[in-house]
Protein backbone atom coordinates (compact mmCIF):
# COMPACT_ATOMS: atom_id res chain seq x y z
CA UNK A 1 -83.06 93.13 18.24
CA UNK A 2 -80.82 90.48 18.47
CA UNK A 3 -77.43 90.54 16.61
CA UNK A 4 -76.32 87.57 14.47
CA UNK A 5 -72.46 87.39 15.50
CA UNK A 6 -72.01 86.71 11.91
CA UNK A 7 -72.87 90.69 11.55
CA UNK A 8 -70.83 91.96 14.53
CA UNK A 9 -68.37 94.47 14.38
CA UNK A 10 -66.19 91.84 16.05
CA UNK A 11 -66.80 89.40 13.85
CA UNK A 12 -63.64 90.43 11.27
CA UNK A 13 -60.39 91.00 12.39
CA UNK A 14 -56.80 90.05 13.10
CA UNK A 15 -55.37 86.67 14.71
CA UNK A 16 -52.40 85.99 16.65
CA UNK A 17 -51.62 82.07 17.37
CA UNK A 18 -48.99 81.61 19.98
CA UNK A 19 -47.84 77.96 19.21
CA UNK A 20 -46.22 76.54 22.43
CA UNK A 21 -45.70 72.95 22.60
CA UNK A 22 -46.87 69.49 22.58
CA UNK A 23 -46.87 66.21 24.29
CA UNK A 24 -47.49 62.41 24.01
CA UNK A 25 -47.11 62.56 20.37
CA UNK A 26 -46.48 59.21 18.73
CA UNK A 27 -43.12 57.87 17.18
CA UNK A 28 -43.02 57.95 13.37
CA UNK A 29 -39.00 56.83 13.42
CA UNK A 30 -36.98 53.66 13.99
CA UNK A 31 -35.60 55.50 16.29
CA UNK A 32 -38.18 55.54 18.73
CA UNK A 33 -38.94 59.31 17.94
CA UNK A 34 -40.82 61.92 15.39
CA UNK A 35 -39.48 65.15 14.00
CA UNK A 36 -42.40 67.26 14.28
CA UNK A 37 -43.65 70.50 13.19
CA UNK A 38 -47.10 72.10 12.67
CA UNK A 39 -48.90 73.40 9.33
CA UNK A 40 -51.89 75.92 10.03
CA UNK A 41 -54.72 76.10 7.12
CA UNK A 42 -57.58 79.10 6.88
CA UNK A 43 -60.33 78.34 4.82
CA UNK A 44 -58.32 75.48 2.99
CA UNK A 45 -55.55 77.16 2.65
CA UNK A 46 -52.44 77.16 4.11
CA UNK A 47 -51.12 80.27 6.58
CA UNK A 48 -48.26 79.03 8.55
CA UNK A 49 -45.68 76.31 9.31
CA UNK A 50 -43.66 76.20 12.13
CA UNK A 51 -40.27 74.80 12.27
CA UNK A 52 -38.95 71.29 12.49
CA UNK A 53 -38.22 70.07 16.07
CA UNK A 54 -35.54 66.94 16.09
CA UNK A 55 -35.81 63.50 17.99
CA UNK A 56 -38.66 64.52 20.12
CA UNK A 57 -42.13 63.11 21.64
CA UNK A 58 -42.19 66.77 23.48
CA UNK A 59 -41.37 69.54 21.30
CA UNK A 60 -41.72 73.19 22.23
CA UNK A 61 -41.78 75.60 19.35
CA UNK A 62 -42.49 79.14 20.69
CA UNK A 63 -43.18 80.64 17.78
CA UNK A 64 -46.15 82.96 16.87
CA UNK A 65 -48.26 84.19 13.90
CA UNK A 66 -50.60 86.70 13.14
CA UNK A 67 -53.38 86.38 9.46
CA UNK A 68 -56.13 88.52 8.42
CA UNK A 69 -59.51 86.67 9.47
CA UNK A 70 -62.96 87.51 7.59
CA UNK A 71 -65.05 85.82 9.49
CA UNK A 72 -64.65 84.83 12.82
CA UNK A 73 -67.86 82.66 12.90
CA UNK A 74 -67.25 81.06 9.55
CA UNK A 75 -63.69 80.27 9.54
CA UNK A 76 -62.48 76.79 9.43
CA UNK A 77 -59.16 76.60 11.15
CA UNK A 78 -57.22 73.48 11.17
CA UNK A 79 -53.87 72.22 12.25
CA UNK A 80 -51.80 69.28 11.15
CA UNK A 81 -48.99 67.88 13.10
CA UNK A 82 -46.65 66.69 10.50
CA UNK A 83 -43.64 64.54 11.11
CA UNK A 84 -40.54 65.46 8.50
CA UNK A 85 -39.05 62.74 6.84
CA UNK A 86 -35.62 63.28 4.75
CA UNK A 87 -35.80 61.96 1.51
CA UNK A 88 -39.83 60.83 1.76
CA UNK A 89 -42.71 62.59 2.13
CA UNK A 90 -43.81 63.93 5.94
CA UNK A 91 -46.25 61.33 7.72
CA UNK A 92 -49.37 63.02 9.63
CA UNK A 93 -48.95 62.66 13.63
CA UNK A 94 -52.64 64.12 14.21
CA UNK A 95 -54.90 67.08 13.74
CA UNK A 96 -56.84 68.95 15.49
CA UNK A 97 -59.94 71.98 14.33
CA UNK A 98 -59.81 75.46 16.36
CA UNK A 99 -63.58 76.53 16.66
CA UNK A 100 -62.45 81.07 16.49
CA UNK A 101 -66.33 81.59 17.53
CA UNK A 102 -64.80 80.88 21.28
CA UNK A 103 -62.38 83.75 21.22
CA UNK A 104 -63.38 86.82 23.08
CA UNK A 105 -61.89 90.10 21.90
CA UNK A 106 -58.67 91.16 22.88
CA UNK A 107 -58.69 87.82 25.77
CA UNK A 108 -55.93 85.16 25.08
CA UNK A 109 -57.08 81.84 25.57
CA UNK A 110 -54.98 79.42 25.92
CA UNK A 111 -56.09 75.98 24.17
CA UNK A 112 -54.71 72.13 24.38
CA UNK A 113 -56.41 70.61 21.54
CA UNK A 114 -56.53 66.47 21.34
CA UNK A 115 -55.14 65.00 18.28
CA UNK A 116 -57.23 62.48 16.29
CA UNK A 117 -53.92 60.66 15.64
CA UNK A 118 -53.05 57.75 17.82
CA UNK A 119 -52.02 60.27 20.68
CA UNK A 120 -51.04 63.40 21.55
CA UNK A 121 -52.03 67.33 22.53
CA UNK A 122 -51.26 70.88 21.29
CA UNK A 123 -50.66 73.89 23.53
CA UNK A 124 -51.46 76.70 21.45
CA UNK A 125 -52.34 80.53 22.54
CA UNK A 126 -54.94 82.70 20.74
CA UNK A 127 -55.70 86.45 20.36
CA UNK A 128 -58.82 87.81 18.28
CA UNK A 129 -57.85 91.64 17.60
CA UNK A 130 -61.23 92.89 15.47
CA UNK A 131 -61.22 94.47 12.38
CA UNK A 132 -61.64 98.40 13.64
CA UNK A 133 -58.86 97.88 15.55
CA UNK A 134 -56.29 96.26 12.82
CA UNK A 135 -58.09 97.74 9.31
CA UNK A 136 -54.50 98.88 8.65
CA UNK A 137 -53.20 94.94 9.17
CA UNK A 138 -55.76 93.20 6.48
CA UNK A 139 -54.83 91.60 3.44
CA UNK A 140 -53.23 88.39 2.86
CA UNK A 141 -50.10 88.85 4.64
CA UNK A 142 -48.89 86.39 7.56
CA UNK A 143 -46.62 88.01 10.16
CA UNK A 144 -44.92 85.49 11.82
CA UNK A 145 -41.91 85.25 14.21
CA UNK A 146 -40.28 83.26 17.61
CA UNK A 147 -41.17 84.60 20.73
CA UNK A 148 -38.38 82.03 22.95
CA UNK A 149 -35.91 79.88 22.13
CA UNK A 150 -37.49 76.13 20.82
CA UNK A 151 -37.26 73.53 22.98
CA UNK A 152 -37.90 75.83 25.89
CA UNK A 153 -41.41 75.07 27.88
CA UNK A 154 -42.99 78.72 28.88
CA UNK A 155 -45.53 78.61 31.07
CA UNK A 156 -47.12 75.04 32.60
CA UNK A 157 -46.01 72.33 29.94
CA UNK A 158 -48.63 69.82 28.60
CA UNK A 159 -47.10 66.82 30.82
CA UNK A 160 -48.53 63.79 32.13
CA UNK A 161 -51.92 64.24 29.76
CA UNK A 162 -54.47 61.48 29.28
CA UNK A 163 -58.05 61.29 28.38
CA UNK A 164 -60.66 61.11 30.87
CA UNK A 165 -64.13 60.72 31.05
CA UNK A 166 -66.00 63.00 28.86
CA UNK A 167 -63.07 63.15 26.27
CA UNK A 168 -61.72 65.98 27.99
CA UNK A 169 -58.51 66.23 28.14
CA UNK A 170 -56.61 66.43 31.44
CA UNK A 171 -53.16 66.73 33.07
CA UNK A 172 -51.71 66.01 36.64
CA UNK A 173 -49.55 68.77 36.54
CA UNK A 174 -51.80 71.04 34.76
CA UNK A 175 -54.19 70.78 37.20
CA UNK A 176 -51.96 71.19 40.29
CA UNK A 177 -49.89 74.82 38.76
CA UNK A 178 -53.02 75.74 36.19
CA UNK A 179 -51.73 76.85 32.84
CA UNK A 180 -51.04 80.87 32.49
CA UNK A 181 -53.00 82.06 35.41
CA UNK A 182 -56.08 83.12 35.77
CA UNK A 183 -55.35 86.91 36.02
CA UNK A 184 -52.27 89.29 34.90
CA UNK A 185 -51.70 92.54 36.81
CA UNK A 186 -48.87 94.65 36.03
CA UNK A 187 -48.23 97.04 38.69
CA UNK A 188 -48.20 100.00 36.34
CA UNK A 189 -51.07 99.36 34.64
CA UNK A 190 -54.44 98.91 36.49
CA UNK A 191 -55.72 97.14 33.77
CA UNK A 192 -56.42 93.35 34.89
CA UNK A 193 -56.01 91.00 31.43
CA UNK A 194 -57.88 87.26 31.91
CA UNK A 195 -56.82 84.87 29.96
CA UNK A 196 -58.87 81.24 30.14
CA UNK A 197 -57.29 77.72 29.16
CA UNK A 198 -59.58 75.35 26.95
CA UNK A 199 -59.52 72.05 25.62
CA UNK A 200 -60.87 70.07 23.03
CA UNK A 201 -60.58 66.18 23.55
CA UNK A 202 -63.33 65.20 20.39
CA UNK A 203 -61.07 68.13 18.28
CA UNK A 204 -64.43 70.14 17.95
CA UNK A 205 -66.11 71.33 21.06
CA UNK A 206 -62.89 72.55 23.15
CA UNK A 207 -63.57 72.40 27.31
CA UNK A 208 -62.38 74.36 30.19
CA UNK A 209 -59.82 73.04 32.32
CA UNK A 210 -60.45 73.11 35.89
CA UNK A 211 -58.80 75.61 38.36
CA UNK A 212 -56.15 73.86 40.44
CA UNK A 213 -56.76 72.22 43.41
CA UNK A 214 -56.12 74.27 46.20
CA UNK A 215 -58.39 76.62 44.76
CA UNK A 216 -55.91 79.12 44.63
CA UNK A 217 -55.21 81.52 41.51
CA UNK A 218 -52.41 79.64 39.48
CA UNK A 219 -49.34 81.70 38.49
CA UNK A 220 -46.66 81.40 35.64
CA UNK A 221 -43.24 79.46 36.94
CA UNK A 222 -40.56 81.00 38.28
CA UNK A 223 -38.54 80.92 35.32
CA UNK A 224 -41.27 83.04 33.45
CA UNK A 225 -40.10 86.63 32.75
CA UNK A 226 -43.39 88.01 33.92
CA UNK A 227 -45.99 89.65 31.96
CA UNK A 228 -45.39 92.98 29.73
CA UNK A 229 -48.29 95.03 28.22
CA UNK A 230 -48.54 95.80 24.94
CA UNK A 231 -50.76 96.82 22.64
CA UNK A 232 -49.07 95.13 19.31
CA UNK A 233 -49.12 91.34 19.40
CA UNK A 234 -46.90 91.00 16.69
CA UNK A 235 -43.74 91.63 17.56
CA UNK A 236 -43.45 89.85 21.61
CA UNK A 237 -45.25 87.09 23.07
CA UNK A 238 -48.48 87.24 25.58
CA UNK A 239 -45.80 86.09 28.23
CA UNK A 240 -43.63 89.05 27.91
CA UNK A 241 -40.65 87.04 25.45
CA UNK A 242 -38.69 88.62 23.11
CA UNK A 243 -38.66 87.02 19.66
CA UNK A 244 -35.47 85.21 18.77
CA UNK A 245 -33.86 85.61 15.23
CA UNK A 246 -34.68 82.78 12.88
CA UNK A 247 -31.77 81.19 10.92
CA UNK A 248 -30.24 82.51 7.68
CA UNK A 249 -29.51 81.20 4.21
CA UNK A 250 -30.91 80.85 1.19
CA UNK A 251 -34.03 79.51 -0.23
CA UNK A 252 -33.96 78.20 -3.80
CA UNK A 253 -37.86 77.49 -6.39
CA UNK A 254 -38.14 76.17 -9.02
CA UNK A 255 -41.32 76.59 -11.03
CA UNK A 256 -42.67 73.63 -12.67
CA UNK A 257 -46.11 73.96 -13.70
CA UNK A 258 -49.59 75.53 -13.63
CA UNK A 259 -52.81 73.75 -14.28
CA UNK A 260 -56.76 75.30 -14.20
CA UNK A 261 -56.25 78.95 -15.69
CA UNK A 262 -58.26 80.12 -18.19
CA UNK A 263 -58.15 78.65 -21.84
CA UNK A 264 -55.92 81.52 -24.28
CA UNK A 265 -54.62 83.26 -20.80
CA UNK A 266 -50.55 84.32 -20.89
CA UNK A 267 -49.84 82.62 -17.50
CA UNK A 268 -47.28 84.26 -15.78
CA UNK A 269 -45.83 83.65 -11.90
CA UNK A 270 -44.61 86.59 -10.02
CA UNK A 271 -42.97 85.60 -6.46
CA UNK A 272 -42.77 88.28 -3.83
CA UNK A 273 -41.02 88.30 -0.48
CA UNK A 274 -43.50 89.16 2.08
CA UNK A 275 -41.12 89.90 5.24
CA UNK A 276 -37.56 90.36 5.89
CA UNK A 277 -35.37 92.83 3.80
CA UNK A 278 -36.68 92.67 0.84
CA UNK A 279 -40.38 92.82 2.30
CA UNK A 280 -42.93 94.04 -0.69
CA UNK A 281 -40.47 93.18 -3.43
CA UNK A 282 -41.24 90.65 -6.38
CA UNK A 283 -37.81 88.44 -6.39
CA UNK A 284 -38.72 86.65 -10.11
CA UNK A 285 -40.99 86.15 -12.01
CA UNK A 286 -41.26 83.30 -15.11
CA UNK A 287 -41.53 83.54 -18.47
CA UNK A 288 -45.49 84.31 -19.66
CA UNK A 289 -46.70 81.01 -21.42
CA UNK A 290 -49.30 81.19 -23.42
CA UNK A 291 -51.89 77.96 -23.23
CA UNK A 292 -55.29 77.10 -24.83
CA UNK A 293 -56.01 74.48 -22.36
CA UNK A 294 -54.87 76.22 -19.46
CA UNK A 295 -51.95 74.35 -18.25
CA UNK A 296 -48.35 75.32 -18.51
CA UNK A 297 -44.82 74.26 -17.93
CA UNK A 298 -41.58 76.02 -17.55
CA UNK A 299 -38.35 74.53 -17.68
CA UNK A 300 -35.59 76.15 -15.66
CA UNK A 301 -37.38 78.44 -13.90
CA UNK A 302 -34.98 78.41 -11.05
CA UNK A 303 -34.05 81.43 -8.74
CA UNK A 304 -32.31 81.52 -5.24
CA UNK A 305 -33.15 83.97 -2.57
CA UNK A 306 -31.54 85.00 0.75
CA UNK A 307 -33.42 84.79 3.82
CA UNK A 308 -34.31 83.37 7.06
CA UNK A 309 -35.74 80.04 7.69
CA UNK A 310 -39.23 81.69 8.40
CA UNK A 311 -39.48 83.77 5.73
CA UNK A 312 -43.25 84.27 3.55
CA UNK A 313 -43.48 84.86 0.25
CA UNK A 314 -46.55 85.18 -2.25
CA UNK A 315 -47.54 83.50 -5.06
CA UNK A 316 -49.47 86.00 -7.90
CA UNK A 317 -50.27 84.40 -11.10
CA UNK A 318 -51.26 87.06 -13.84
CA UNK A 319 -52.35 87.24 -17.32
CA UNK A 320 -49.33 88.93 -19.25
CA UNK A 321 -50.85 91.88 -21.71
CA UNK A 322 -49.60 94.14 -23.26
CA UNK A 323 -51.34 96.87 -21.18
CA UNK A 324 -51.94 95.74 -17.67
CA UNK A 325 -52.13 92.67 -16.37
CA UNK A 326 -54.67 90.88 -15.09
CA UNK A 327 -54.37 89.19 -11.49
CA UNK A 328 -55.70 85.29 -11.90
CA UNK A 329 -55.52 84.57 -8.01
CA UNK A 330 -52.89 85.07 -4.89
CA UNK A 331 -51.57 82.76 -2.31
CA UNK A 332 -48.81 82.69 0.88
CA UNK A 333 -46.43 80.37 0.49
CA UNK A 334 -43.25 78.89 3.21
CA UNK A 335 -40.24 77.20 1.91
CA UNK A 336 -40.24 73.97 2.32
CA UNK A 337 -37.81 72.69 5.64
CA UNK A 338 -36.43 69.68 3.62
CA UNK A 339 -33.62 69.43 1.42
CA UNK A 340 -35.35 66.96 -1.16
CA UNK A 341 -37.08 69.61 -2.67
CA UNK A 342 -39.78 67.56 -3.36
CA UNK A 343 -42.79 69.01 -5.55
CA UNK A 344 -45.34 71.04 -3.89
CA UNK A 345 -48.63 72.24 -5.37
CA UNK A 346 -50.32 75.67 -4.50
CA UNK A 347 -53.91 76.55 -5.03
CA UNK A 348 -53.96 79.88 -6.31
CA UNK A 349 -56.80 81.43 -7.31
CA UNK A 350 -58.93 79.05 -9.90
CA UNK A 351 -55.88 77.29 -10.24
CA UNK A 352 -52.65 75.36 -8.97
CA UNK A 353 -48.92 76.34 -9.11
CA UNK A 354 -46.39 73.17 -8.86
CA UNK A 355 -42.97 73.92 -7.80
CA UNK A 356 -39.88 72.99 -5.66
CA UNK A 357 -38.23 74.27 -2.76
CA UNK A 358 -35.61 74.00 -0.26
CA UNK A 359 -33.68 76.33 2.33
CA UNK A 360 -30.35 75.63 3.30
CA UNK A 361 -28.79 77.09 6.34
CA UNK A 362 -25.87 79.63 6.25
CA UNK A 363 -23.48 77.13 8.45
CA UNK A 364 -24.55 74.04 6.27
CA UNK A 365 -23.62 76.29 2.98
CA UNK A 366 -20.29 76.77 4.29
């Protein structure tokens, strides 16, 4: 009997993504550089945004995040590489589709994704853990952090990359040294863990990069710490790094409007902190406003939260009632790194929330 992949117990679970580095990004600024960052969306919803790497075409983020995946075979997973501009709208540098069907449970895969912009490639490492292992982590939360200092290339860098026949991304340094090695062995553990390197020059069908030219097993560069085994990939990278500490500061929120919710609903927005010392607690809720049209606007709905730059929040919209509120929708949210506080629209349930956010580091606050 042939079981459809969508019905397999390996189809639902938790996905970890290591955002490593990029190369050959287009220059979007007058100084010949860009200020790149990545935004990931799963099935049309934003799930993670990296920090900004300033004035570079070869950024190294060294960040990770984890998110639940309801169906690996049906997932629409995309990444956008953006250029941050102070006081202006971010520019799109390129996008790529990430095919989760290519992942085998518990086998880390490194992918090199060709971006559909003028130029550029992005290097990621992904690990999928099925639901029967990660059931306690199910929900809408995204877990994230860093595993090395930003700007430091971990493993073989994405360098000297170009497009060759068949749309396959190939780089001289990648072929000579290999990426992440064929096998990772731990002297204290007899288990062998294979990591495959993949690429998608056409952004939809990743292809396997050839092994090193001399045919010998590739290894990590000597400056990289040796791999360490961990049953949980949520707190350290597969390369054995230690999560870094994000910048401390404060986030300023301004809730502006809501639209698309049921007519007659008494709309109230709740903001919950998902990560950090106040994890699981509401940090603000707006006034409940009843509207016959489902369109609501607020004035002076501003609040400040002490947090780190990578703190995740959750927006919840409720129909406020005397005896028990009705939940109209929830969505993850990450504070805008821009200090200008441009308006953002977030899809929540059947409607949308319009708000402004900024993050100011502790050093900038003086």
